[in-house]
Amino acid sequence: MRGLYAITPETHDTARLVEQVRHAIAGGATVVQYRSKRIGHNTVRLQAEALRAITLETGTKFIVNDNSELALSVGADGVHLGRDDADTEAVAKLRKQCAARFSATSFIIGISCYNELSLAEAAVEAGADYVAFGSFFPSSTKPTATKADVALIRAAKAKFDVPVVAIGGITVDNAQELISANVDMVAVISSLFGADDIEQRAREFTNLFKSGIHVHQ
């Protein structure tokens, strides 16, 4: 896992969401996470199925936020869990659930670790396939989110063998600081899906990983 990790915006407009995600993938996003906190169950299911179809078509990893049952039922590549859902027992249960449909090692489990290396250590021991830290910068999506320091990425990369993901207020103007710290992926919502040209913005993030050259907007 490396590059742009696209997290979907909250919207009831499924057709527009599908279009936005297609643009993000066309620009180079390698992972798409479906995140929905305030939308009704039927719409959530419809959107997850639509995005699973796109990601299968394009060979893009598809992750569902916080809802392991939905992830398993639509055949997602994995699930992203928060602090309260990611203990060893929960991860083991998920492995067992997915074993009937996938090989036990193919279902991706990512875990939010905020600004705590100790949480990441526990997550990796529990079987996490990647760990995520943040917020690194002020975020309009989560304005009260815990703040993390870039030094945490370096510490995590030195300590763990699993991919490290950064999230929180990331733009093409500040992503290079994280990439220079050897982060594996940057997770982006607003700066990506709020862009006038989503495909171009995704390409700018992707090019940062390819070239290491800072891109100004």
C-alpha atoms as a PDB file:
ATOM      1  CA  MET A   1       0.000   0.000   0.000  1.00  0.00           C
ATOM      2  CA  ARG A   2       1.470   3.290  -1.106  1.00  0.00           C
ATOM      3  CA  GLY A   3       0.220   6.583  -2.478  1.00  0.00           C
ATOM      4  CA  LEU A   4      -3.125   8.348  -2.273  1.00  0.00           C
ATOM      5  CA  TYR A   5      -5.763   6.916   0.059  1.00  0.00           C
ATOM      6  CA  ALA A   6      -9.069   8.552  -0.919  1.00  0.00           C
ATOM      7  CA  ILE A   7     -11.771   8.805   1.764  1.00  0.00           C
ATOM      8  CA  THR A   8     -15.216   9.550   0.404  1.00  0.00           C
ATOM      9  CA  PRO A   9     -17.198  12.633   1.407  1.00  0.00           C
ATOM     10  CA  GLU A  10     -20.606  12.373   3.049  1.00  0.00           C
ATOM     11  CA  THR A  11     -23.343  12.721   0.406  1.00  0.00           C
ATOM     12  CA  HIS A  12     -26.795  11.389  -0.423  1.00  0.00           C
ATOM     13  CA  ASP A  13     -26.074  11.817  -4.138  1.00  0.00           C
ATOM     14  CA  THR A  14     -24.887   8.347  -5.110  1.00  0.00           C
ATOM     15  CA  ALA A  15     -24.433   9.143  -8.805  1.00  0.00           C
ATOM     16  CA  ARG A  16     -22.216  12.124  -7.976  1.00  0.00           C
ATOM     17  CA  LEU A  17     -20.242  10.081  -5.449  1.00  0.00           C
ATOM     18  CA  VAL A  18     -19.584   7.407  -8.055  1.00  0.00           C
ATOM     19  CA  GLU A  19     -18.429  10.049 -10.519  1.00  0.00           C
ATOM     20  CA  GLN A  20     -16.138  11.656  -7.947  1.00  0.00           C
ATOM     21  CA  VAL A  21     -14.558   8.345  -7.017  1.00  0.00           C
ATOM     22  CA  ARG A  22     -14.000   7.464 -10.670  1.00  0.00           C
ATOM     23  CA  HIS A  23     -12.093  10.722 -11.081  1.00  0.00           C
ATOM     24  CA  ALA A  24     -10.013  10.054  -7.975  1.00  0.00           C
ATOM     25  CA  ILE A  25      -9.067   6.596  -9.216  1.00  0.00           C
ATOM     26  CA  ALA A  26      -8.283   7.931 -12.690  1.00  0.00           C
ATOM     27  CA  GLY A  27      -5.870  10.361 -11.026  1.00  0.00           C
ATOM     28  CA  GLY A  28      -4.057   7.572  -9.242  1.00  0.00           C
ATOM     29  CA  ALA A  29      -5.796   6.830  -5.925  1.00  0.00           C
ATOM     30  CA  THR A  30      -4.792   3.292  -4.963  1.00  0.00           C
ATOM     31  CA  VAL A  31      -7.194   2.873  -2.026  1.00  0.00           C
ATOM     32  CA  VAL A  32     -10.769   4.125  -1.636  1.00  0.00           C
ATOM     33  CA  GLN A  33     -12.387   4.164   1.790  1.00  0.00           C
ATOM     34  CA  TYR A  34     -16.148   4.511   1.998  1.00  0.00           C
ATOM     35  CA  ARG A  35     -17.024   6.605   5.041  1.00  0.00           C
ATOM     36  CA  SER A  36     -20.610   7.444   5.945  1.00  0.00           C
ATOM     37  CA  LYS A  37     -21.836   8.471   9.393  1.00  0.00           C
ATOM     38  CA  ARG A  38     -25.174  10.212   8.802  1.00  0.00           C
ATOM     39  CA  ILE A  39     -26.810   8.503   5.826  1.00  0.00           C
ATOM     40  CA  GLY A  40     -29.627   5.949   5.990  1.00  0.00           C
ATOM     41  CA  HIS A  41     -28.925   2.218   5.806  1.00  0.00           C
ATOM     42  CA  ASN A  42     -30.428   1.654   2.344  1.00  0.00           C
ATOM     43  CA  THR A  43     -28.397   4.446   0.773  1.00  0.00           C
ATOM     44  CA  VAL A  44     -25.243   3.305   2.535  1.00  0.00           C
ATOM     45  CA  ARG A  45     -25.697  -0.177   1.120  1.00  0.00           C
ATOM     46  CA  LEU A  46     -26.354   1.152  -2.377  1.00  0.00           C
ATOM     47  CA  GLN A  47     -23.300   3.405  -2.278  1.00  0.00           C
ATOM     48  CA  ALA A  48     -21.024   0.690  -0.917  1.00  0.00           C
ATOM     49  CA  GLU A  49     -22.128  -1.727  -3.639  1.00  0.00           C
ATOM     50  CA  ALA A  50     -21.613   0.899  -6.332  1.00  0.00           C
ATOM     51  CA  LEU A  51     -18.121   1.743  -5.100  1.00  0.00           C
ATOM     52  CA  ARG A  52     -17.209  -1.920  -4.755  1.00  0.00           C
ATOM     53  CA  ALA A  53     -18.141  -2.385  -8.427  1.00  0.00           C
ATOM     54  CA  ILE A  54     -15.924   0.534  -9.485  1.00  0.00           C
ATOM     55  CA  THR A  55     -12.967  -0.608  -7.438  1.00  0.00           C
ATOM     56  CA  LEU A  56     -13.233  -4.151  -8.754  1.00  0.00           C
ATOM     57  CA  GLU A  57     -13.361  -2.783 -12.286  1.00  0.00           C
ATOM     58  CA  THR A  58     -10.250  -0.660 -11.762  1.00  0.00           C
ATOM     59  CA  GLY A  59      -8.266  -2.944  -9.447  1.00  0.00           C
ATOM     60  CA  THR A  60      -8.397  -0.436  -6.603  1.00  0.00           C
ATOM     61  CA  LYS A  61      -8.472  -1.490  -2.948  1.00  0.00           C
ATOM     62  CA  PHE A  62     -11.845  -0.824  -1.311  1.00  0.00           C
ATOM     63  CA  ILE A  63     -12.079  -0.260   2.437  1.00  0.00           C
ATOM     64  CA  VAL A  64     -15.220   0.377   4.492  1.00  0.00           C
ATOM     65  CA  ASN A  65     -15.010   2.632   7.527  1.00  0.00           C
ATOM     66  CA  ASP A  66     -16.118   1.175  10.882  1.00  0.00           C
ATOM     67  CA  ASN A  67     -18.715  -1.244   9.476  1.00  0.00           C
ATOM     68  CA  SER A  68     -17.232  -4.716   9.205  1.00  0.00           C
ATOM     69  CA  GLU A  69     -20.576  -6.345   8.423  1.00  0.00           C
ATOM     70  CA  LEU A  70     -21.088  -4.037   5.454  1.00  0.00           C
ATOM     71  CA  ALA A  71     -17.502  -4.595   4.333  1.00  0.00           C
ATOM     72  CA  LEU A  72     -17.924  -8.354   4.367  1.00  0.00           C
ATOM     73  CA  SER A  73     -21.361  -8.309   2.761  1.00  0.00           C
ATOM     74  CA  VAL A  74     -20.279  -6.241  -0.259  1.00  0.00           C
ATOM     75  CA  GLY A  75     -17.004  -8.113  -0.646  1.00  0.00           C
ATOM     76  CA  ALA A  76     -14.785  -5.168   0.275  1.00  0.00           C
ATOM     77  CA  ASP A  77     -11.037  -5.639   0.500  1.00  0.00           C
ATOM     78  CA  GLY A  78     -11.086  -4.579   4.125  1.00  0.00           C
ATOM     79  CA  VAL A  79     -12.329  -2.423   6.958  1.00  0.00           C
ATOM     80  CA  HIS A  80     -10.945   0.514   8.890  1.00  0.00           C
ATOM     81  CA  LEU A  81     -11.577   0.461  12.639  1.00  0.00           C
ATOM     82  CA  GLY A  82     -11.406   3.071  15.374  1.00  0.00           C
ATOM     83  CA  ARG A  83      -9.881   2.808  18.829  1.00  0.00           C
ATOM     84  CA  ASP A  84     -12.946   1.172  20.409  1.00  0.00           C
ATOM     85  CA  ASP A  85     -13.382  -1.533  17.763  1.00  0.00           C
ATOM     86  CA  ALA A  86      -9.862  -2.793  17.314  1.00  0.00           C
ATOM     87  CA  ASP A  87      -8.848  -5.026  20.199  1.00  0.00           C
ATOM     88  CA  THR A  88      -7.301  -8.441  19.649  1.00  0.00           C
ATOM     89  CA  GLU A  89     -10.624 -10.248  20.099  1.00  0.00           C
ATOM     90  CA  ALA A  90     -12.379  -8.047  17.535  1.00  0.00           C
ATOM     91  CA  VAL A  91      -9.624  -8.521  14.968  1.00  0.00           C
ATOM     92  CA  ALA A  92      -9.575 -12.291  15.519  1.00  0.00           C
ATOM     93  CA  LYS A  93     -13.343 -12.430  15.077  1.00  0.00           C
ATOM     94  CA  LEU A  94     -13.085 -10.515  11.811  1.00  0.00           C
ATOM     95  CA  ARG A  95     -10.400 -12.886  10.546  1.00  0.00           C
ATOM     96  CA  LYS A  96     -12.696 -15.808  11.274  1.00  0.00           C
ATOM     97  CA  GLN A  97     -15.675 -14.153   9.585  1.00  0.00           C
ATOM     98  CA  CYS A  98     -13.797 -13.409   6.403  1.00  0.00           C
ATOM     99  CA  ALA A  99     -12.079 -16.786   6.183  1.00  0.00           C
ATOM    100  CA  ALA A 100     -15.174 -18.331   4.598  1.00  0.00           C
ATOM    101  CA  ARG A 101     -15.090 -15.833   1.728  1.00  0.00           C
ATOM    102  CA  PHE A 102     -11.439 -14.903   1.430  1.00  0.00           C
ATOM    103  CA  SER A 103      -8.113 -16.309   2.454  1.00  0.00           C
ATOM    104  CA  ALA A 104      -7.506 -15.311   6.070  1.00  0.00           C
ATOM    105  CA  THR A 105      -4.672 -13.012   5.098  1.00  0.00           C
ATOM    106  CA  SER A 106      -6.349 -11.152   2.246  1.00  0.00           C
ATOM    107  CA  PHE A 107      -8.902  -9.127   4.219  1.00  0.00           C
ATOM    108  CA  ILE A 108      -7.287  -5.833   5.185  1.00  0.00           C
ATOM    109  CA  ILE A 109      -7.804  -4.461   8.688  1.00  0.00           C
ATOM    110  CA  GLY A 110      -6.644  -0.902   9.295  1.00  0.00           C
ATOM    111  CA  ILE A 111      -6.740   0.745  12.694  1.00  0.00           C
ATOM    112  CA  SER A 112      -6.769   4.395  13.788  1.00  0.00           C
ATOM    113  CA  CYS A 113      -4.033   5.126  16.317  1.00  0.00           C
ATOM    114  CA  TYR A 114      -4.446   8.908  16.557  1.00  0.00           C
ATOM    115  CA  ASN A 115      -1.187  10.239  18.075  1.00  0.00           C
ATOM    116  CA  GLU A 116      -0.222   7.223  20.175  1.00  0.00           C
ATOM    117  CA  LEU A 117       2.578   4.860  19.221  1.00  0.00           C
ATOM    118  CA  SER A 118       1.438   2.503  21.991  1.00  0.00           C
ATOM    119  CA  LEU A 119      -1.954   2.136  20.303  1.00  0.00           C
ATOM    120  CA  ALA A 120      -0.200   1.251  17.051  1.00  0.00           C
ATOM    121  CA  GLU A 121       1.906  -1.330  18.830  1.00  0.00           C
ATOM    122  CA  ALA A 122      -1.213  -2.953  20.268  1.00  0.00           C
ATOM    123  CA  ALA A 123      -2.917  -2.784  16.868  1.00  0.00           C
ATOM    124  CA  VAL A 124      -0.029  -4.502  15.115  1.00  0.00           C
ATOM    125  CA  GLU A 125       0.089  -7.176  17.803  1.00  0.00           C
ATOM    126  CA  ALA A 126      -3.665  -7.688  17.325  1.00  0.00           C
ATOM    127  CA  GLY A 127      -3.127  -8.283  13.621  1.00  0.00           C
ATOM    128  CA  ALA A 128      -3.621  -4.916  11.942  1.00  0.00           C
ATOM    129  CA  ASP A 129      -2.532  -4.751   8.314  1.00  0.00           C
ATOM    130  CA  TYR A 130      -1.873  -1.006   8.517  1.00  0.00           C
ATOM    131  CA  VAL A 131      -1.978   1.730  11.143  1.00  0.00           C
ATOM    132  CA  ALA A 132      -3.205   5.298  10.691  1.00  0.00           C
ATOM    133  CA  PHE A 133      -2.145   8.405  12.601  1.00  0.00           C
ATOM    134  CA  GLY A 134      -3.548  11.920  12.690  1.00  0.00           C
ATOM    135  CA  SER A 135      -4.742  14.593  12.539  1.00  0.00           C
ATOM    136  CA  PHE A 136      -1.462  16.083  11.307  1.00  0.00           C
ATOM    137  CA  PHE A 137      -2.967  19.391  10.204  1.00  0.00           C
ATOM    138  CA  PRO A 138      -6.191  21.272  11.000  1.00  0.00           C
ATOM    139  CA  SER A 139      -9.087  19.328   9.489  1.00  0.00           C
ATOM    140  CA  SER A 140     -12.476  20.649   8.410  1.00  0.00           C
ATOM    141  CA  THR A 141     -13.883  17.112   8.594  1.00  0.00           C
ATOM    142  CA  LYS A 142     -12.783  16.627  12.214  1.00  0.00           C
ATOM    143  CA  PRO A 143     -11.930  20.069  13.635  1.00  0.00           C
ATOM    144  CA  THR A 144     -11.496  18.734  17.181  1.00  0.00           C
ATOM    145  CA  ALA A 145      -9.370  15.735  16.184  1.00  0.00           C
ATOM    146  CA  THR A 146      -6.288  14.816  18.193  1.00  0.00           C
ATOM    147  CA  LYS A 147      -3.153  16.407  16.752  1.00  0.00           C
ATOM    148  CA  ALA A 148      -0.209  14.248  15.731  1.00  0.00           C
ATOM    149  CA  ASP A 149       3.410  15.177  15.059  1.00  0.00           C
ATOM    150  CA  VAL A 150       5.319  14.170  11.934  1.00  0.00           C
ATOM    151  CA  ALA A 151       7.992  12.591  14.156  1.00  0.00           C
ATOM    152  CA  LEU A 152       5.394   9.920  14.944  1.00  0.00           C
ATOM    153  CA  ILE A 153       5.579   8.690  11.358  1.00  0.00           C
ATOM    154  CA  ARG A 154       9.332   8.230  11.572  1.00  0.00           C
ATOM    155  CA  ALA A 155       8.992   6.374  14.866  1.00  0.00           C
ATOM    156  CA  ALA A 156       6.274   4.108  13.493  1.00  0.00           C
ATOM    157  CA  LYS A 157       8.210   3.336  10.316  1.00  0.00           C
ATOM    158  CA  ALA A 158      11.244   2.397  12.391  1.00  0.00           C
ATOM    159  CA  LYS A 159       9.209   0.154  14.693  1.00  0.00           C
ATOM    160  CA  PHE A 160       6.607  -1.575  12.513  1.00  0.00           C
ATOM    161  CA  ASP A 161       6.621  -3.583   9.286  1.00  0.00           C
ATOM    162  CA  VAL A 162       3.041  -2.665   8.341  1.00  0.00           C
ATOM    163  CA  PRO A 163       2.160   0.384   6.183  1.00  0.00           C
ATOM    164  CA  VAL A 164       1.702   3.723   7.953  1.00  0.00           C
ATOM    165  CA  VAL A 165      -1.108   6.046   6.835  1.00  0.00           C
ATOM    166  CA  ALA A 166      -1.385   9.762   7.661  1.00  0.00           C
ATOM    167  CA  ILE A 167      -4.696  11.609   7.860  1.00  0.00           C
ATOM    168  CA  GLY A 168      -6.041  15.015   8.801  1.00  0.00           C
ATOM    169  CA  GLY A 169      -6.007  18.266   6.873  1.00  0.00           C
ATOM    170  CA  ILE A 170      -3.610  16.969   4.220  1.00  0.00           C
ATOM    171  CA  THR A 171      -3.202  19.042   1.057  1.00  0.00           C
ATOM    172  CA  VAL A 172      -0.744  19.019  -1.827  1.00  0.00           C
ATOM    173  CA  ASP A 173       1.032  21.880  -0.053  1.00  0.00           C
ATOM    174  CA  ASN A 174       1.749  19.995   3.159  1.00  0.00           C
ATOM    175  CA  ALA A 175       1.790  16.346   2.061  1.00  0.00           C
ATOM    176  CA  GLN A 176       5.479  16.458   1.156  1.00  0.00           C
ATOM    177  CA  GLU A 177       6.411  16.859   4.817  1.00  0.00           C
ATOM    178  CA  LEU A 178       4.711  13.541   5.523  1.00  0.00           C
ATOM    179  CA  ILE A 179       6.105  11.802   2.448  1.00  0.00           C
ATOM    180  CA  SER A 180       9.609  12.971   3.392  1.00  0.00           C
ATOM    181  CA  ALA A 181       9.062  11.219   6.730  1.00  0.00           C
ATOM    182  CA  ASN A 182       8.495   8.022   4.697  1.00  0.00           C
ATOM    183  CA  VAL A 183       4.742   7.701   5.215  1.00  0.00           C
ATOM    184  CA  ASP A 184       3.243   5.012   2.994  1.00  0.00           C
ATOM    185  CA  MET A 185      -0.069   6.697   2.238  1.00  0.00           C
ATOM    186  CA  VAL A 186      -1.816  10.025   2.742  1.00  0.00           C
ATOM    187  CA  ALA A 187      -5.556   9.805   3.425  1.00  0.00           C
ATOM    188  CA  VAL A 188      -7.465  12.760   1.997  1.00  0.00           C
ATOM    189  CA  ILE A 189     -11.095  13.870   1.940  1.00  0.00           C
ATOM    190  CA  SER A 190     -11.690  17.613   1.560  1.00  0.00           C
ATOM    191  CA  SER A 191      -8.620  18.620  -0.434  1.00  0.00           C
ATOM    192  CA  LEU A 192      -9.335  15.852  -2.939  1.00  0.00           C
ATOM    193  CA  PHE A 193     -13.114  15.749  -3.296  1.00  0.00           C
ATOM    194  CA  GLY A 194     -13.522  19.486  -2.799  1.00  0.00           C
ATOM    195  CA  ALA A 195     -11.256  20.232  -5.778  1.00  0.00           C
ATOM    196  CA  ASP A 196     -12.697  21.636  -9.002  1.00  0.00           C
ATOM    197  CA  ASP A 197     -10.787  18.933 -10.888  1.00  0.00           C
ATOM    198  CA  ILE A 198     -10.658  15.810  -8.722  1.00  0.00           C
ATOM    199  CA  GLU A 199      -8.666  13.773 -11.207  1.00  0.00           C
ATOM    200  CA  GLN A 200      -5.987  16.448 -11.491  1.00  0.00           C
ATOM    201  CA  ARG A 201      -5.808  16.858  -7.722  1.00  0.00           C
ATOM    202  CA  ALA A 202      -5.436  13.095  -7.278  1.00  0.00           C
ATOM    203  CA  ARG A 203      -2.665  13.140  -9.862  1.00  0.00           C
ATOM    204  CA  GLU A 204      -0.857  15.890  -7.953  1.00  0.00           C
ATOM    205  CA  PHE A 205      -0.894  13.803  -4.772  1.00  0.00           C
ATOM    206  CA  THR A 206       0.196  10.724  -6.698  1.00  0.00           C
ATOM    207  CA  ASN A 207       3.068  12.575  -8.337  1.00  0.00           C
ATOM    208  CA  LEU A 208       4.391  13.623  -4.939  1.00  0.00           C
ATOM    209  CA  PHE A 209       4.989   9.965  -4.155  1.00  0.00           C
ATOM    210  CA  LYS A 210       6.533   9.318  -7.544  1.00  0.00           C
ATOM    211  CA  SER A 211       8.888  12.261  -7.694  1.00  0.00           C
ATOM    212  CA  GLY A 212       9.235  13.686  -4.202  1.00  0.00           C
ATOM    213  CA  ILE A 213       8.801  17.137  -5.764  1.00  0.00           C
ATOM    214  CA  HIS A 214       6.655  19.625  -3.854  1.00  0.00           C
ATOM    215  CA  VAL A 215       3.594  20.817  -5.761  1.00  0.00           C
ATOM    216  CA  HIS A 216       2.241  24.334  -5.129  1.00  0.00           C
ATOM    217  CA  GLN A 217      -1.376  25.370  -5.551  1.00  0.00           C
END
